[in-house]
């Protein structure tokens, strides 16, 4: 008993004083959520009616994890000051987990260990971030602020004809940040349904969401391609000059948007003229990959559309982006592995390049953890909530993938359901692999066991 207590004390001391990369990440996001909960619980943050501590915790978690699920209406239940707190939490959470992880290590004067360096390289830069951290971090901040500023300006101009100047400016800034960071928050009770007749506004939001889903590596390469295009006086920048990562992300991202829009449109359930229906289908397809905003009542869509949205939410965006989900590259590599195994090859081939087996193992681990966790989540919500299975599945995946779309269950969640969704958003934002690397130690045993055979299929 004493030995176990001593071991537990040592682990707590190590977690607080000498945290690993994953543990520091956990502390950083948990600290932000705690601070946001305290601020949103104070009277100055409340609008029409008070906000309970549990709803403040839910909102703070949703903002920091850039999810967008809400149990209370953001535009009415929170004051302008409270909405600015939410916006700040969104911005801090949306700039990227590993970016802030690297910043925290640098601020503490601690060198990134090899595992943390590898994680940051894989998710953000694909090169030695330890040597070039300062320039890369400043570039991220610059890119994010420029895109959000341009988006806010276009949204402001699109809103001017029908809104007061002050409200248009405030709403434009809020929705530009919420769109690019994939936060899913809106100042309006019906999300963006009131802007169905404003195609410029919706097109700008879709562009911000799509750009936010690509990741910093892809945005940097696109910017370099634009500069090269200008330098060559209009010469075209062919796709094959991009890196393999960028080619995979762009192709699969565009394909998912198009296929998702076609499926949602074909399923029916949308209202208005053909142009409005096509616009709504395209918007929901873009937003489902972690955007979280909507122009229709998602809960009223046919089950086929909800299933299509669940698949899009589960996949999400690209690594190093503001999007959640298991990421488009994960699905691309899984499909390549599956296709190779089906053909009798155990090597992963993507676009004429063989992918290292180590990355393939990470893909298997990530998908296995994600599927297992969502299955558990569906079982838990099925017990805590009295709702149809499709709503339970939708809400579970939306929270885990930090999307923010709701089929109508979130405002009706029980206390246990709210707490479970909070855990979902937190773990979904940190990422299954980050959790696994923080808690699972590699097996370095030299013991070799005899082989065994088990029938399958």
Protein backbone atom coordinates (compact mmCIF):
# COMPACT_ATOMS: atom_id res chain seq x y z
CA UNK A 1 0.00 0.00 0.00
CA UNK A 2 2.76 2.42 0.95
CA UNK A 3 4.70 1.55 -2.21
CA UNK A 4 1.67 2.21 -4.39
CA UNK A 5 1.02 5.54 -2.64
CA UNK A 6 4.65 6.58 -3.11
CA UNK A 7 4.50 5.66 -6.80
CA UNK A 8 1.29 7.66 -7.28
CA UNK A 9 2.83 10.68 -5.52
CA UNK A 10 5.89 10.50 -7.75
CA UNK A 11 3.71 10.38 -10.87
CA UNK A 12 1.72 13.43 -9.74
CA UNK A 13 4.95 15.30 -8.95
CA UNK A 14 6.36 14.40 -12.38
CA UNK A 15 3.11 15.48 -14.07
CA UNK A 16 3.20 18.89 -12.37
CA UNK A 17 6.94 19.67 -12.27
CA UNK A 18 8.35 17.76 -15.24
CA UNK A 19 5.50 17.12 -17.68
CA UNK A 20 5.94 15.27 -20.94
CA UNK A 21 4.83 16.76 -24.23
CA UNK A 22 1.37 15.21 -24.02
CA UNK A 23 0.97 16.12 -20.35
CA UNK A 24 1.94 19.75 -20.98
CA UNK A 25 -0.59 19.86 -23.79
CA UNK A 26 -3.24 18.50 -21.41
CA UNK A 27 -2.37 21.13 -18.79
CA UNK A 28 -2.43 23.97 -21.32
CA UNK A 29 -5.89 23.22 -22.68
CA UNK A 30 -7.33 22.31 -19.29
CA UNK A 31 -6.03 25.62 -17.92
CA UNK A 32 -7.64 27.58 -20.75
CA UNK A 33 -10.95 25.80 -20.22
CA UNK A 34 -10.85 26.44 -16.46
CA UNK A 35 -10.09 30.14 -17.01
CA UNK A 36 -12.88 30.41 -19.58
CA UNK A 37 -15.34 28.68 -17.25
CA UNK A 38 -14.59 31.11 -14.44
CA UNK A 39 -14.95 34.16 -16.71
CA UNK A 40 -18.17 32.94 -18.35
CA UNK A 41 -19.65 32.19 -14.90
CA UNK A 42 -19.28 35.81 -13.78
CA UNK A 43 -22.28 38.19 -14.06
CA UNK A 44 -20.54 40.56 -16.51
CA UNK A 45 -20.55 37.78 -19.13
CA UNK A 46 -24.28 37.09 -18.88
CA UNK A 47 -26.97 38.56 -21.10
CA UNK A 48 -30.65 37.63 -20.91
CA UNK A 49 -30.74 35.34 -17.88
CA UNK A 50 -27.96 33.72 -15.91
CA UNK A 51 -25.69 30.91 -17.10
CA UNK A 52 -25.10 27.94 -14.81
CA UNK A 53 -21.54 26.81 -14.02
CA UNK A 54 -22.13 23.61 -16.01
CA UNK A 55 -23.26 25.58 -19.07
CA UNK A 56 -20.27 27.90 -18.63
CA UNK A 57 -17.97 24.86 -18.54
CA UNK A 58 -19.68 23.42 -21.62
CA UNK A 59 -19.35 26.71 -23.54
CA UNK A 60 -15.72 27.26 -22.50
CA UNK A 61 -14.77 23.72 -23.54
CA UNK A 62 -16.60 24.10 -26.84
CA UNK A 63 -14.81 27.42 -27.51
CA UNK A 64 -11.29 26.28 -26.56
CA UNK A 65 -11.75 23.03 -28.48
CA UNK A 66 -13.25 25.04 -31.39
CA UNK A 67 -16.30 22.79 -31.51
CA UNK A 68 -19.35 25.05 -31.49
CA UNK A 69 -21.85 22.87 -29.65
CA UNK A 70 -23.84 25.01 -27.24
CA UNK A 71 -26.40 24.34 -24.54
CA UNK A 72 -27.41 28.03 -24.35
CA UNK A 73 -27.84 30.62 -27.10
CA UNK A 74 -24.58 32.54 -27.58
CA UNK A 75 -26.20 35.70 -28.97
CA UNK A 76 -28.74 36.21 -26.16
CA UNK A 77 -27.52 34.40 -23.03
CA UNK A 78 -24.08 36.02 -23.12
CA UNK A 79 -23.39 39.74 -23.05
CA UNK A 80 -21.09 41.45 -25.53
CA UNK A 81 -18.26 41.06 -23.00
CA UNK A 82 -19.06 37.36 -22.64
CA UNK A 83 -19.04 36.96 -26.41
CA UNK A 84 -15.60 38.59 -26.57
CA UNK A 85 -14.38 36.09 -23.98
CA UNK A 86 -15.72 33.29 -26.17
CA UNK A 87 -14.04 34.82 -29.22
CA UNK A 88 -10.70 35.01 -27.39
CA UNK A 89 -11.00 31.38 -26.30
CA UNK A 90 -11.81 30.41 -29.89
CA UNK A 91 -8.75 32.21 -31.23
CA UNK A 92 -6.42 30.71 -28.63
CA UNK A 93 -7.77 27.21 -29.20
CA UNK A 94 -7.96 27.54 -32.97
CA UNK A 95 -4.37 28.48 -33.70
CA UNK A 96 -3.39 24.86 -33.22
CA UNK A 97 -2.56 22.48 -30.41
CA UNK A 98 1.00 21.72 -31.31
CA UNK A 99 1.79 25.35 -32.08
CA UNK A 100 0.96 26.30 -28.52
CA UNK A 101 2.73 23.21 -27.25
CA UNK A 102 5.93 24.31 -28.94
CA UNK A 103 5.42 27.89 -27.71
CA UNK A 104 4.94 26.69 -24.15
CA UNK A 105 8.14 24.64 -24.30
CA UNK A 106 10.07 27.62 -25.59
CA UNK A 107 8.59 29.98 -22.99
CA UNK A 108 9.57 27.54 -20.23
CA UNK A 109 13.09 27.25 -21.60
CA UNK A 110 12.67 23.52 -22.19
CA UNK A 111 13.89 21.77 -25.33
CA UNK A 112 11.39 19.71 -27.25
CA UNK A 113 12.22 16.04 -26.86
CA UNK A 114 12.53 13.86 -29.95
CA UNK A 115 8.96 12.55 -29.73
CA UNK A 116 7.52 16.06 -29.41
CA UNK A 117 9.69 17.30 -32.30
CA UNK A 118 8.48 14.43 -34.47
CA UNK A 119 4.85 15.14 -33.54
CA UNK A 120 5.17 18.83 -34.41
CA UNK A 121 6.98 18.04 -37.66
CA UNK A 122 4.30 15.54 -38.73
CA UNK A 123 1.41 17.85 -37.84
CA UNK A 124 2.65 21.30 -38.80
CA UNK A 125 5.84 21.78 -40.74
CA UNK A 126 7.26 18.44 -41.95
CA UNK A 127 10.78 19.60 -41.16
CA UNK A 128 13.07 20.38 -38.21
CA UNK A 129 10.93 22.74 -36.13
CA UNK A 130 13.43 22.82 -33.28
CA UNK A 131 15.84 24.86 -35.40
CA UNK A 132 13.28 27.07 -37.15
CA UNK A 133 10.53 27.39 -34.55
CA UNK A 134 10.50 31.19 -34.23
CA UNK A 135 10.13 31.89 -37.95
CA UNK A 136 7.50 29.17 -38.38
CA UNK A 137 5.44 30.33 -35.42
CA UNK A 138 5.48 33.96 -36.56
CA UNK A 139 4.51 32.84 -40.05
CA UNK A 140 1.51 30.94 -38.66
CA UNK A 141 0.34 33.98 -36.71
CA UNK A 142 0.79 36.20 -39.75
CA UNK A 143 -1.10 33.86 -42.10
CA UNK A 144 -3.97 33.39 -39.65
CA UNK A 145 -4.40 37.10 -38.95
CA UNK A 146 -4.23 38.08 -42.63
CA UNK A 147 -6.83 35.49 -43.68
CA UNK A 148 -9.16 36.39 -40.81
CA UNK A 149 -8.77 40.13 -41.49
CA UNK A 150 -9.54 39.77 -45.20
CA UNK A 151 -12.48 37.50 -44.40
CA UNK A 152 -13.84 39.97 -41.84
CA UNK A 153 -13.60 42.82 -44.36
CA UNK A 154 -15.54 40.91 -47.04
CA UNK A 155 -18.17 39.78 -44.51
CA UNK A 156 -18.51 43.37 -43.29
CA UNK A 157 -19.12 44.67 -46.82
CA UNK A 158 -21.59 41.85 -47.49
CA UNK A 159 -23.60 42.74 -44.35
CA UNK A 160 -23.63 46.51 -44.76
CA UNK A 161 -26.79 46.92 -46.87
CA UNK A 162 -29.07 45.35 -44.26
CA UNK A 163 -27.33 45.90 -40.91
CA UNK A 164 -26.06 48.74 -38.76
CA UNK A 165 -22.39 49.52 -39.31
CA UNK A 166 -21.33 48.71 -35.73
CA UNK A 167 -23.21 45.40 -35.69
CA UNK A 168 -21.93 44.47 -39.16
CA UNK A 169 -18.33 45.11 -38.08
CA UNK A 170 -18.67 43.11 -34.86
CA UNK A 171 -20.51 40.23 -36.52
CA UNK A 172 -18.01 40.14 -39.39
CA UNK A 173 -15.04 39.82 -37.04
CA UNK A 174 -16.76 37.19 -34.90
CA UNK A 175 -17.85 35.00 -37.80
CA UNK A 176 -14.56 35.37 -39.68
CA UNK A 177 -12.62 34.05 -36.68
CA UNK A 178 -15.25 31.38 -35.96
CA UNK A 179 -15.22 30.23 -39.60
CA UNK A 180 -11.46 30.02 -40.13
CA UNK A 181 -10.83 28.36 -36.77
CA UNK A 182 -13.79 25.98 -37.33
CA UNK A 183 -15.31 27.05 -34.02
CA UNK A 184 -18.92 26.68 -35.16
CA UNK A 185 -20.17 29.52 -32.94
CA UNK A 186 -22.65 32.06 -34.28
CA UNK A 187 -24.25 35.18 -32.82
CA UNK A 188 -27.61 34.14 -34.26
CA UNK A 189 -30.01 31.54 -32.90
CA UNK A 190 -30.52 29.97 -36.34
CA UNK A 191 -26.77 29.94 -37.07
CA UNK A 192 -26.48 31.40 -40.59
CA UNK A 193 -29.93 30.49 -41.93
CA UNK A 194 -30.78 34.19 -42.05
CA UNK A 195 -28.08 34.71 -44.68
CA UNK A 196 -29.45 32.30 -47.29
CA UNK A 197 -30.21 35.28 -49.54
CA UNK A 198 -26.68 36.67 -49.13
CA UNK A 199 -24.49 34.47 -51.35
CA UNK A 200 -21.41 36.69 -50.90
CA UNK A 201 -21.57 36.24 -47.12
CA UNK A 202 -22.02 32.47 -47.35
CA UNK A 203 -19.34 32.06 -50.04
CA UNK A 204 -16.88 33.95 -47.84
CA UNK A 205 -17.70 31.76 -44.83
CA UNK A 206 -17.29 28.61 -46.93
CA UNK A 207 -13.92 29.86 -48.22
CA UNK A 208 -12.72 30.59 -44.69
CA UNK A 209 -13.83 27.15 -43.48
CA UNK A 210 -12.16 25.43 -46.43
CA UNK A 211 -8.89 27.33 -46.00
CA UNK A 212 -8.94 26.60 -42.28
CA UNK A 213 -9.26 22.88 -43.02
CA UNK A 214 -6.15 22.66 -45.20
CA UNK A 215 -3.41 23.13 -42.61
CA UNK A 216 -0.41 25.44 -42.46
CA UNK A 217 1.80 23.32 -44.74
CA UNK A 218 -0.74 23.41 -47.56
CA UNK A 219 -1.47 27.13 -47.11
CA UNK A 220 2.26 27.88 -47.22
CA UNK A 221 2.68 25.89 -50.44
CA UNK A 222 -0.36 27.56 -52.02
CA UNK A 223 1.06 30.97 -51.11
CA UNK A 224 4.41 29.98 -52.64
CA UNK A 225 2.61 28.79 -55.79
CA UNK A 226 0.80 32.14 -56.08
CA UNK A 227 4.10 34.01 -55.70
CA UNK A 228 5.67 31.78 -58.34
CA UNK A 229 2.70 32.29 -60.65
CA UNK A 230 3.12 36.05 -60.38
CA UNK A 231 6.87 35.81 -60.94
CA UNK A 232 6.30 33.86 -64.15
CA UNK A 233 3.86 36.51 -65.44
CA UNK A 234 0.80 34.31 -65.31
CA UNK A 235 2.45 30.95 -65.95
CA UNK A 236 0.47 28.18 -64.36
CA UNK A 237 1.67 26.37 -61.20
CA UNK A 238 0.97 22.68 -61.97
CA UNK A 239 -0.33 20.45 -59.19
CA UNK A 240 2.53 17.95 -59.50
CA UNK A 241 4.98 20.54 -58.13
CA UNK A 242 3.29 20.49 -54.75
CA UNK A 243 4.47 18.08 -52.09
CA UNK A 244 2.83 14.68 -51.73
CA UNK A 245 1.12 15.86 -48.54
CA UNK A 246 -0.40 18.90 -50.26
CA UNK A 247 -1.54 16.91 -53.28
CA UNK A 248 -3.30 14.36 -51.06
CA UNK A 249 -4.96 17.04 -48.92
CA UNK A 250 -6.19 19.16 -51.84
CA UNK A 251 -7.50 16.26 -53.92
CA UNK A 252 -9.33 14.53 -51.09
CA UNK A 253 -10.66 17.79 -49.60
CA UNK A 254 -12.18 18.90 -52.89
CA UNK A 255 -13.54 15.40 -53.56
CA UNK A 256 -15.19 15.21 -50.14
CA UNK A 257 -16.86 18.61 -50.60
CA UNK A 258 -18.25 17.68 -54.01
CA UNK A 259 -19.38 14.16 -53.09
CA UNK A 260 -20.91 15.38 -49.82
CA UNK A 261 -22.86 18.14 -51.56
CA UNK A 262 -24.18 15.75 -54.22
CA UNK A 263 -25.30 13.20 -51.61
CA UNK A 264 -27.04 15.81 -49.43
CA UNK A 265 -28.76 17.35 -52.45
CA UNK A 266 -29.84 13.95 -53.77
CA UNK A 267 -31.27 12.92 -50.38
CA UNK A 268 -33.78 15.77 -50.45
CA UNK A 269 -35.15 17.51 -47.37
CA UNK A 270 -33.87 20.94 -48.46
CA UNK A 271 -36.29 23.77 -49.17
CA UNK A 272 -36.44 26.72 -51.52
CA UNK A 273 -35.61 27.15 -55.17
CA UNK A 274 -32.98 24.95 -56.87
CA UNK A 275 -30.27 27.56 -56.34
CA UNK A 276 -30.98 27.73 -52.60
CA UNK A 277 -31.01 23.94 -52.31
CA UNK A 278 -27.70 23.62 -54.13
CA UNK A 279 -26.23 26.39 -51.99
CA UNK A 280 -27.41 24.74 -48.77
CA UNK A 281 -26.06 21.33 -49.83
CA UNK A 282 -22.65 22.80 -50.69
CA UNK A 283 -22.51 24.83 -47.48
CA UNK A 284 -23.34 21.85 -45.26
CA UNK A 285 -20.82 19.67 -47.06
CA UNK A 286 -18.07 22.24 -46.44
CA UNK A 287 -19.17 22.98 -42.88
CA UNK A 288 -19.50 19.32 -41.88
CA UNK A 289 -15.74 18.86 -42.11
CA UNK A 290 -15.45 20.66 -38.73
CA UNK A 291 -16.92 24.07 -39.64
CA UNK A 292 -20.01 23.65 -37.49
CA UNK A 293 -22.11 26.46 -39.00
CA UNK A 294 -25.37 25.76 -40.84
CA UNK A 295 -27.93 27.39 -43.11
CA UNK A 296 -30.64 24.76 -42.49
CA UNK A 297 -32.19 22.90 -39.58
CA UNK A 298 -29.82 19.94 -39.47
CA UNK A 299 -32.13 17.90 -37.23
CA UNK A 300 -34.85 18.02 -39.91
CA UNK A 301 -32.66 16.52 -42.65
CA UNK A 302 -33.31 12.94 -43.85
CA UNK A 303 -31.40 10.12 -42.15
CA UNK A 304 -29.33 9.59 -45.30
CA UNK A 305 -28.11 13.19 -45.13
CA UNK A 306 -27.32 12.83 -41.43
CA UNK A 307 -25.29 9.69 -42.15
CA UNK A 308 -23.38 11.49 -44.92
CA UNK A 309 -22.65 14.36 -42.52
CA UNK A 310 -21.47 11.88 -39.86
CA UNK A 311 -18.93 10.42 -42.31
CA UNK A 312 -17.70 13.91 -43.30
CA UNK A 313 -17.43 14.94 -39.63
CA UNK A 314 -15.52 11.81 -38.72
CA UNK A 315 -12.97 12.40 -41.50
CA UNK A 316 -12.54 16.13 -40.78
CA UNK A 317 -9.77 18.27 -42.27
CA UNK A 318 -5.99 18.11 -42.70
CA UNK A 319 -3.25 17.69 -40.07
CA UNK A 320 -1.98 20.96 -38.64
CA UNK A 321 -5.28 22.69 -39.42
CA UNK A 322 -8.05 24.03 -37.24
CA UNK A 323 -10.27 21.09 -38.20
CA UNK A 324 -10.97 18.03 -36.09
CA UNK A 325 -11.72 14.46 -37.12
CA UNK A 326 -9.25 11.71 -37.93
CA UNK A 327 -7.95 13.85 -40.86
CA UNK A 328 -8.13 13.41 -44.63
CA UNK A 329 -4.57 12.09 -44.88
CA UNK A 330 -5.40 9.34 -42.40
CA UNK A 331 -8.28 8.16 -44.58
CA UNK A 332 -6.17 8.43 -47.74
CA UNK A 333 -3.41 6.28 -46.24
CA UNK A 334 -5.90 3.79 -44.80
CA UNK A 335 -7.51 3.38 -48.22
CA UNK A 336 -4.08 2.95 -49.83
CA UNK A 337 -3.16 0.27 -47.25
CA UNK A 338 -6.48 -1.48 -47.74
CA UNK A 339 -6.15 -1.41 -51.53
CA UNK A 340 -2.58 -2.72 -51.34
CA UNK A 341 -3.52 -5.54 -48.94
CA UNK A 342 -6.48 -6.47 -51.13
CA UNK A 343 -4.09 -6.83 -54.05
CA UNK A 344 -1.66 -8.90 -52.01
CA UNK A 345 0.87 -6.16 -51.26
CA UNK A 346 1.63 -4.99 -47.74
CA UNK A 347 3.33 -1.78 -48.84
CA UNK A 348 1.37 1.49 -48.89
CA UNK A 349 1.60 3.25 -52.26
CA UNK A 350 0.24 6.80 -52.67
CA UNK A 351 0.65 8.76 -55.89
CA UNK A 352 3.77 6.84 -56.92
CA UNK A 353 5.39 7.04 -53.47
CA UNK A 354 5.75 4.30 -50.86
CA UNK A 355 4.72 5.39 -47.36
CA UNK A 356 6.91 4.26 -44.43
CA UNK A 357 5.45 1.42 -42.37
CA UNK A 358 5.74 3.54 -39.22
CA UNK A 359 3.18 6.01 -40.58
CA UNK A 360 0.91 3.12 -41.56
CA UNK A 361 0.96 1.82 -37.99
CA UNK A 362 -0.01 5.28 -36.72
CA UNK A 363 -2.95 5.30 -39.13
CA UNK A 364 -4.16 1.95 -37.77
CA UNK A 365 -3.76 3.14 -34.18
CA UNK A 366 -5.58 6.42 -34.79
CA UNK A 367 -8.54 4.85 -36.59
CA UNK A 368 -8.82 2.07 -34.02
CA UNK A 369 -8.86 4.51 -31.11
CA UNK A 370 -11.33 6.84 -32.84
CA UNK A 371 -13.78 4.09 -33.77
CA UNK A 372 -13.60 2.48 -30.32
CA UNK A 373 -14.12 5.78 -28.53
CA UNK A 374 -17.11 6.79 -30.66
CA UNK A 375 -18.70 3.39 -30.19
CA UNK A 376 -18.31 3.84 -26.43
CA UNK A 377 -19.74 7.35 -26.72
CA UNK A 378 -22.83 6.14 -28.55
CA UNK A 379 -23.42 3.54 -25.83
CA UNK A 380 -23.01 6.14 -23.06
CA UNK A 381 -25.34 8.71 -24.65
CA UNK A 382 -27.87 5.96 -25.40
CA UNK A 383 -28.05 5.35 -21.65
CA UNK A 384 -28.06 8.99 -20.48
CA UNK A 385 -30.39 10.41 -23.15
CA UNK A 386 -33.83 9.46 -24.44
CA UNK A 387 -33.26 10.19 -28.12
CA UNK A 388 -33.27 8.31 -31.44
CA UNK A 389 -30.07 6.48 -32.31
CA UNK A 390 -29.31 8.73 -35.29
CA UNK A 391 -29.34 11.80 -33.03
CA UNK A 392 -27.10 10.09 -30.49
CA UNK A 393 -24.63 9.02 -33.19
CA UNK A 394 -24.66 12.47 -34.77
CA UNK A 395 -24.04 14.30 -31.50
CA UNK A 396 -21.29 11.90 -30.43
CA UNK A 397 -19.31 12.22 -33.67
CA UNK A 398 -19.90 15.98 -33.83
CA UNK A 399 -18.43 16.42 -30.35
CA UNK A 400 -15.52 14.04 -30.92
CA UNK A 401 -14.63 15.60 -34.29
CA UNK A 402 -15.07 19.11 -32.79
CA UNK A 403 -17.55 20.04 -35.53
CA UNK A 404 -20.37 21.72 -33.64
CA UNK A 405 -23.31 20.68 -35.80
CA UNK A 406 -26.26 19.38 -33.83
CA UNK A 407 -29.28 17.31 -34.80
CA UNK A 408 -31.20 18.93 -31.94
CA UNK A 409 -29.99 16.85 -29.00
CA UNK A 410 -27.35 19.18 -27.47
CA UNK A 411 -29.74 21.78 -25.94
CA UNK A 412 -31.73 18.92 -24.37
CA UNK A 413 -28.79 17.03 -22.86
CA UNK A 414 -29.00 15.80 -19.29
CA UNK A 415 -26.31 16.73 -16.77
CA UNK A 416 -24.54 13.42 -17.37
CA UNK A 417 -24.85 13.92 -21.12
CA UNK A 418 -23.35 17.41 -20.94
CA UNK A 419 -20.40 16.15 -18.93
CA UNK A 420 -19.82 13.32 -21.40
CA UNK A 421 -19.90 15.72 -24.36
CA UNK A 422 -17.42 17.99 -22.54
CA UNK A 423 -15.04 15.03 -22.21
CA UNK A 424 -15.63 14.20 -25.89
CA UNK A 425 -14.77 17.68 -27.08
CA UNK A 426 -11.65 17.81 -24.91
CA UNK A 427 -10.29 14.42 -25.98
CA UNK A 428 -11.35 14.99 -29.57
CA UNK A 429 -9.36 18.21 -29.70
CA UNK A 430 -6.26 16.70 -28.10
CA UNK A 431 -6.39 13.77 -30.49
CA UNK A 432 -6.39 10.02 -29.83
CA UNK A 433 -2.71 9.62 -30.68
CA UNK A 434 -1.71 12.43 -28.30
CA UNK A 435 -3.62 10.70 -25.51
CA UNK A 436 -2.07 7.35 -26.38
CA UNK A 437 1.47 8.74 -26.47
CA UNK A 438 0.89 10.43 -23.12
CA UNK A 439 -0.28 7.30 -21.34
CA UNK A 440 1.12 4.27 -23.18
CA UNK A 441 4.78 3.38 -22.78
CA UNK A 442 6.51 1.50 -25.64
CA UNK A 443 7.17 -2.16 -25.01
CA UNK A 444 10.97 -2.59 -25.00
CA UNK A 445 10.92 -6.20 -23.88
CA UNK A 446 13.39 -8.51 -25.63
CA UNK A 447 11.29 -11.59 -24.94
CA UNK A 448 10.29 -13.47 -28.09
CA UNK A 449 7.16 -15.62 -28.06
CA UNK A 450 6.38 -18.53 -30.40
CA UNK A 451 4.00 -17.88 -33.29
CA UNK A 452 0.38 -18.95 -33.14
CA UNK A 453 -2.41 -19.31 -35.70
CA UNK A 454 -6.02 -18.13 -35.35
CA UNK A 455 -8.70 -18.53 -38.03
CA UNK A 456 -10.32 -15.35 -39.33
CA UNK A 457 -13.18 -14.57 -41.69
